[in-house]
Amino acid sequence: MALAYLTWEARDAKHAFADIGWGALAVCREARAVDGVADARSWGQTVGRVAILIETAPDVAPSLVSANAEVVKATPALNKVARNVDYQTWADPRVAAKNMEASGVA
């Protein structure tokens, strides 16, 4: 299992928390449709800030989910009202090695 943890923050005060929430929901729906994704959920952290947690199967690197065409298409709606302020990948060593190979680093 590997996890991708993303945090999004409102671009300015005029963007309602609901707008950010709907954008995060769209990203989660598309991520859940990707083969190898066990779950994708979003949580409101504070007013104007939301977190997305994507859980993948052991043999799927979270970075490959984020690069999926349908997930990428869902992201602009969220980008209009919020900016990504944090992206973390939590993985066991086997998944981390696969992620590095997929990125071309190793």
N, C-alpha and C. Protein backbone atom coordinates (compact mmCIF):
# COMPACT_ATOMS: atom_id res chain seq x y z
N MET A 1 0.84 -1.17 0.00
CA MET A 1 0.00 0.00 0.00
C MET A 1 0.89 1.24 0.00
N ALA A 2 0.46 2.22 -0.74
CA ALA A 2 1.12 3.53 -0.75
C ALA A 2 0.03 4.60 -0.65
N LEU A 3 0.41 5.74 -0.13
CA LEU A 3 -0.53 6.84 0.03
C LEU A 3 0.03 8.10 -0.62
N ALA A 4 -0.85 8.86 -1.23
CA ALA A 4 -0.51 10.20 -1.70
C ALA A 4 -1.35 11.16 -0.86
N TYR A 5 -0.69 12.12 -0.25
CA TYR A 5 -1.35 13.11 0.60
C TYR A 5 -1.17 14.48 -0.04
N LEU A 6 -2.27 15.11 -0.43
CA LEU A 6 -2.24 16.42 -1.07
C LEU A 6 -3.02 17.41 -0.24
N THR A 7 -2.52 18.61 -0.10
CA THR A 7 -3.23 19.67 0.62
C THR A 7 -3.44 20.83 -0.33
N TRP A 8 -4.67 21.34 -0.36
CA TRP A 8 -5.03 22.46 -1.22
C TRP A 8 -5.56 23.59 -0.34
N GLU A 9 -5.20 24.82 -0.69
CA GLU A 9 -5.60 25.99 0.08
C GLU A 9 -6.25 27.01 -0.85
N ALA A 10 -7.29 27.68 -0.36
CA ALA A 10 -8.01 28.67 -1.16
C ALA A 10 -7.05 29.74 -1.69
N ARG A 11 -7.26 30.14 -2.93
CA ARG A 11 -6.41 31.18 -3.53
C ARG A 11 -6.65 32.53 -2.86
N ASP A 12 -7.91 32.80 -2.53
CA ASP A 12 -8.22 34.03 -1.80
C ASP A 12 -9.54 33.84 -1.06
N ALA A 13 -9.91 34.82 -0.26
CA ALA A 13 -11.08 34.70 0.63
C ALA A 13 -12.40 34.58 -0.12
N LYS A 14 -12.46 35.02 -1.38
CA LYS A 14 -13.74 34.98 -2.10
C LYS A 14 -14.15 33.57 -2.51
N HIS A 15 -13.21 32.64 -2.52
CA HIS A 15 -13.56 31.27 -2.91
C HIS A 15 -14.09 30.51 -1.70
N ALA A 16 -15.34 30.11 -1.82
CA ALA A 16 -16.01 29.42 -0.73
C ALA A 16 -15.42 28.04 -0.51
N PHE A 17 -15.51 27.59 0.71
CA PHE A 17 -15.03 26.25 1.04
C PHE A 17 -15.74 25.20 0.19
N ALA A 18 -17.02 25.44 -0.11
CA ALA A 18 -17.78 24.49 -0.93
C ALA A 18 -17.16 24.34 -2.31
N ASP A 19 -16.66 25.42 -2.90
CA ASP A 19 -16.02 25.35 -4.21
C ASP A 19 -14.79 24.45 -4.17
N ILE A 20 -14.00 24.59 -3.11
CA ILE A 20 -12.81 23.77 -2.96
C ILE A 20 -13.23 22.31 -2.73
N GLY A 21 -14.24 22.12 -1.93
CA GLY A 21 -14.73 20.77 -1.65
C GLY A 21 -15.23 20.05 -2.89
N TRP A 22 -15.98 20.76 -3.75
CA TRP A 22 -16.46 20.14 -4.99
C TRP A 22 -15.30 19.79 -5.92
N GLY A 23 -14.31 20.65 -5.97
CA GLY A 23 -13.13 20.35 -6.79
C GLY A 23 -12.38 19.13 -6.28
N ALA A 24 -12.22 19.04 -4.96
CA ALA A 24 -11.54 17.89 -4.36
C ALA A 24 -12.34 16.61 -4.59
N LEU A 25 -13.66 16.71 -4.51
CA LEU A 25 -14.51 15.55 -4.76
C LEU A 25 -14.34 15.04 -6.19
N ALA A 26 -14.26 15.94 -7.15
CA ALA A 26 -14.07 15.55 -8.54
C ALA A 26 -12.74 14.82 -8.74
N VAL A 27 -11.68 15.32 -8.11
CA VAL A 27 -10.37 14.67 -8.20
C VAL A 27 -10.44 13.27 -7.58
N CYS A 28 -11.08 13.16 -6.42
CA CYS A 28 -11.21 11.86 -5.75
C CYS A 28 -12.01 10.86 -6.59
N ARG A 29 -13.10 11.31 -7.19
CA ARG A 29 -13.90 10.41 -8.03
C ARG A 29 -13.09 9.85 -9.19
N GLU A 30 -12.34 10.71 -9.85
CA GLU A 30 -11.52 10.25 -10.97
C GLU A 30 -10.39 9.35 -10.50
N ALA A 31 -9.80 9.66 -9.37
CA ALA A 31 -8.71 8.83 -8.84
C ALA A 31 -9.22 7.44 -8.48
N ARG A 32 -10.43 7.36 -7.90
CA ARG A 32 -10.99 6.05 -7.53
C ARG A 32 -11.25 5.18 -8.76
N ALA A 33 -11.44 5.78 -9.91
CA ALA A 33 -11.72 5.02 -11.14
C ALA A 33 -10.45 4.43 -11.76
N VAL A 34 -9.29 4.83 -11.28
CA VAL A 34 -8.01 4.35 -11.82
C VAL A 34 -7.73 2.95 -11.28
N ASP A 35 -7.32 2.04 -12.16
CA ASP A 35 -6.96 0.69 -11.73
C ASP A 35 -5.84 0.76 -10.71
N GLY A 36 -6.00 0.01 -9.63
CA GLY A 36 -4.97 -0.04 -8.59
C GLY A 36 -5.19 0.94 -7.46
N VAL A 37 -6.21 1.78 -7.55
CA VAL A 37 -6.51 2.72 -6.46
C VAL A 37 -7.53 2.06 -5.54
N ALA A 38 -7.15 1.91 -4.27
CA ALA A 38 -8.03 1.30 -3.29
C ALA A 38 -9.07 2.30 -2.78
N ASP A 39 -8.66 3.56 -2.61
CA ASP A 39 -9.58 4.58 -2.11
C ASP A 39 -8.99 5.97 -2.34
N ALA A 40 -9.86 6.95 -2.43
CA ALA A 40 -9.46 8.36 -2.54
C ALA A 40 -10.53 9.17 -1.83
N ARG A 41 -10.11 9.95 -0.85
CA ARG A 41 -11.06 10.74 -0.05
C ARG A 41 -10.50 12.14 0.19
N SER A 42 -11.42 13.04 0.51
CA SER A 42 -11.00 14.40 0.85
C SER A 42 -11.60 14.79 2.19
N TRP A 43 -10.88 15.65 2.89
CA TRP A 43 -11.32 16.16 4.18
C TRP A 43 -11.08 17.65 4.24
N GLY A 44 -12.00 18.36 4.87
CA GLY A 44 -11.78 19.77 5.14
C GLY A 44 -10.89 19.89 6.36
N GLN A 45 -9.78 20.60 6.23
CA GLN A 45 -8.88 20.77 7.37
C GLN A 45 -9.25 22.00 8.19
N THR A 46 -9.37 23.11 7.50
CA THR A 46 -9.79 24.36 8.11
C THR A 46 -10.62 25.09 7.05
N VAL A 47 -11.12 26.25 7.38
CA VAL A 47 -11.85 27.03 6.38
C VAL A 47 -10.88 27.39 5.26
N GLY A 48 -11.20 26.99 4.05
CA GLY A 48 -10.35 27.31 2.91
C GLY A 48 -9.20 26.36 2.68
N ARG A 49 -9.21 25.22 3.36
CA ARG A 49 -8.11 24.25 3.18
C ARG A 49 -8.69 22.83 3.19
N VAL A 50 -8.27 22.03 2.21
CA VAL A 50 -8.76 20.66 2.09
C VAL A 50 -7.59 19.71 1.85
N ALA A 51 -7.72 18.48 2.34
CA ALA A 51 -6.69 17.46 2.13
C ALA A 51 -7.30 16.32 1.32
N ILE A 52 -6.50 15.75 0.43
CA ILE A 52 -6.91 14.59 -0.36
C ILE A 52 -5.93 13.47 -0.04
N LEU A 53 -6.47 12.28 0.24
CA LEU A 53 -5.65 11.12 0.53
C LEU A 53 -6.02 10.02 -0.47
N ILE A 54 -5.03 9.59 -1.26
CA ILE A 54 -5.24 8.55 -2.27
C ILE A 54 -4.45 7.32 -1.84
N GLU A 55 -5.15 6.20 -1.67
CA GLU A 55 -4.52 4.94 -1.27
C GLU A 55 -4.45 4.01 -2.48
N THR A 56 -3.25 3.50 -2.75
CA THR A 56 -3.08 2.63 -3.92
C THR A 56 -2.68 1.22 -3.50
N ALA A 57 -2.82 0.30 -4.43
CA ALA A 57 -2.37 -1.07 -4.23
C ALA A 57 -0.85 -1.08 -4.11
N PRO A 58 -0.28 -2.14 -3.52
CA PRO A 58 1.17 -2.17 -3.32
C PRO A 58 2.00 -2.02 -4.60
N ASP A 59 1.47 -2.45 -5.73
CA ASP A 59 2.25 -2.39 -6.97
C ASP A 59 1.98 -1.15 -7.81
N VAL A 60 1.26 -0.18 -7.26
CA VAL A 60 0.93 1.05 -8.01
C VAL A 60 1.55 2.25 -7.31
N ALA A 61 2.34 3.00 -8.04
CA ALA A 61 2.95 4.21 -7.49
C ALA A 61 1.93 5.35 -7.52
N PRO A 62 1.76 6.07 -6.39
CA PRO A 62 0.80 7.17 -6.36
C PRO A 62 1.05 8.24 -7.42
N SER A 63 2.31 8.45 -7.79
CA SER A 63 2.60 9.46 -8.81
C SER A 63 1.99 9.09 -10.15
N LEU A 64 1.82 7.80 -10.42
CA LEU A 64 1.19 7.37 -11.67
C LEU A 64 -0.30 7.67 -11.66
N VAL A 65 -0.92 7.64 -10.48
CA VAL A 65 -2.35 7.99 -10.36
C VAL A 65 -2.52 9.48 -10.64
N SER A 66 -1.66 10.31 -10.05
CA SER A 66 -1.75 11.76 -10.24
C SER A 66 -1.55 12.15 -11.70
N ALA A 67 -0.80 11.34 -12.44
CA ALA A 67 -0.53 11.63 -13.85
C ALA A 67 -1.57 11.02 -14.79
N ASN A 68 -2.55 10.29 -14.25
CA ASN A 68 -3.60 9.69 -15.08
C ASN A 68 -4.39 10.79 -15.79
N ALA A 69 -4.72 10.57 -17.04
CA ALA A 69 -5.38 11.60 -17.86
C ALA A 69 -6.70 12.09 -17.25
N GLU A 70 -7.51 11.19 -16.73
CA GLU A 70 -8.80 11.60 -16.17
C GLU A 70 -8.63 12.39 -14.87
N VAL A 71 -7.65 12.02 -14.08
CA VAL A 71 -7.37 12.77 -12.84
C VAL A 71 -6.85 14.16 -13.20
N VAL A 72 -5.99 14.23 -14.20
CA VAL A 72 -5.45 15.52 -14.64
C VAL A 72 -6.58 16.42 -15.16
N LYS A 73 -7.55 15.84 -15.88
CA LYS A 73 -8.68 16.64 -16.39
C LYS A 73 -9.55 17.19 -15.27
N ALA A 74 -9.63 16.49 -14.13
CA ALA A 74 -10.46 16.94 -13.01
C ALA A 74 -9.76 18.03 -12.19
N THR A 75 -8.47 18.14 -12.31
CA THR A 75 -7.70 19.05 -11.47
C THR A 75 -7.91 20.54 -11.76
N PRO A 76 -8.13 20.98 -13.02
CA PRO A 76 -8.29 22.42 -13.26
C PRO A 76 -9.42 23.08 -12.47
N ALA A 77 -10.51 22.36 -12.24
CA ALA A 77 -11.61 22.95 -11.45
C ALA A 77 -11.13 23.29 -10.05
N LEU A 78 -10.31 22.44 -9.49
CA LEU A 78 -9.75 22.70 -8.17
C LEU A 78 -8.68 23.79 -8.24
N ASN A 79 -7.89 23.79 -9.32
CA ASN A 79 -6.84 24.81 -9.48
C ASN A 79 -7.40 26.22 -9.60
N LYS A 80 -8.62 26.37 -10.10
CA LYS A 80 -9.22 27.70 -10.25
C LYS A 80 -9.46 28.36 -8.91
N VAL A 81 -9.78 27.56 -7.89
CA VAL A 81 -10.16 28.13 -6.60
C VAL A 81 -9.12 27.89 -5.50
N ALA A 82 -8.17 26.99 -5.76
CA ALA A 82 -7.19 26.65 -4.72
C ALA A 82 -5.83 26.36 -5.35
N ARG A 83 -4.82 26.37 -4.50
CA ARG A 83 -3.48 26.01 -4.96
C ARG A 83 -2.98 24.84 -4.12
N ASN A 84 -2.22 23.97 -4.74
CA ASN A 84 -1.65 22.82 -4.05
C ASN A 84 -0.47 23.30 -3.21
N VAL A 85 -0.55 23.12 -1.90
CA VAL A 85 0.51 23.59 -1.02
C VAL A 85 1.35 22.45 -0.45
N ASP A 86 0.91 21.22 -0.64
CA ASP A 86 1.68 20.09 -0.13
C ASP A 86 1.33 18.83 -0.92
N TYR A 87 2.36 18.05 -1.26
CA TYR A 87 2.18 16.75 -1.89
C TYR A 87 3.21 15.81 -1.28
N GLN A 88 2.73 14.78 -0.64
CA GLN A 88 3.62 13.81 -0.02
C GLN A 88 3.24 12.41 -0.50
N THR A 89 4.24 11.56 -0.68
CA THR A 89 4.01 10.16 -0.97
C THR A 89 4.52 9.36 0.20
N TRP A 90 3.64 8.56 0.77
CA TRP A 90 4.01 7.67 1.87
C TRP A 90 3.96 6.25 1.32
N ALA A 91 5.08 5.55 1.38
CA ALA A 91 5.14 4.22 0.78
C ALA A 91 6.14 3.34 1.50
N ASP A 92 5.92 2.03 1.39
CA ASP A 92 6.93 1.11 1.90
C ASP A 92 8.10 1.10 0.91
N PRO A 93 9.25 0.58 1.29
CA PRO A 93 10.44 0.66 0.42
C PRO A 93 10.24 0.09 -0.97
N ARG A 94 9.48 -0.99 -1.11
CA ARG A 94 9.26 -1.60 -2.42
C ARG A 94 8.52 -0.64 -3.35
N VAL A 95 7.49 0.00 -2.83
CA VAL A 95 6.71 0.95 -3.63
C VAL A 95 7.55 2.19 -3.92
N ALA A 96 8.34 2.62 -2.95
CA ALA A 96 9.20 3.79 -3.16
C ALA A 96 10.19 3.54 -4.29
N ALA A 97 10.76 2.34 -4.34
CA ALA A 97 11.70 1.99 -5.41
C ALA A 97 11.00 2.01 -6.76
N LYS A 98 9.78 1.46 -6.82
CA LYS A 98 9.02 1.45 -8.07
C LYS A 98 8.70 2.88 -8.51
N ASN A 99 8.35 3.74 -7.56
CA ASN A 99 8.04 5.13 -7.85
C ASN A 99 9.26 5.84 -8.43
N MET A 100 10.43 5.57 -7.87
CA MET A 100 11.66 6.19 -8.38
C MET A 100 11.98 5.68 -9.78
N GLU A 101 11.76 4.39 -10.04
CA GLU A 101 11.99 3.84 -11.37
C GLU A 101 11.05 4.49 -12.39
N ALA A 102 9.79 4.68 -12.01
CA ALA A 102 8.80 5.28 -12.91
C ALA A 102 9.17 6.73 -13.25
N SER A 103 9.81 7.41 -12.29
CA SER A 103 10.16 8.81 -12.52
C SER A 103 11.46 8.96 -13.30
N GLY A 104 12.20 7.85 -13.46
CA GLY A 104 13.44 7.90 -14.19
C GLY A 104 14.65 8.26 -13.35
N VAL A 105 14.46 8.39 -12.04
CA VAL A 105 15.56 8.75 -11.14
C VAL A 105 16.49 7.57 -10.92
N ALA A 106 15.91 6.38 -10.76
CA ALA A 106 16.74 5.20 -10.47
C ALA A 106 16.86 4.30 -11.68
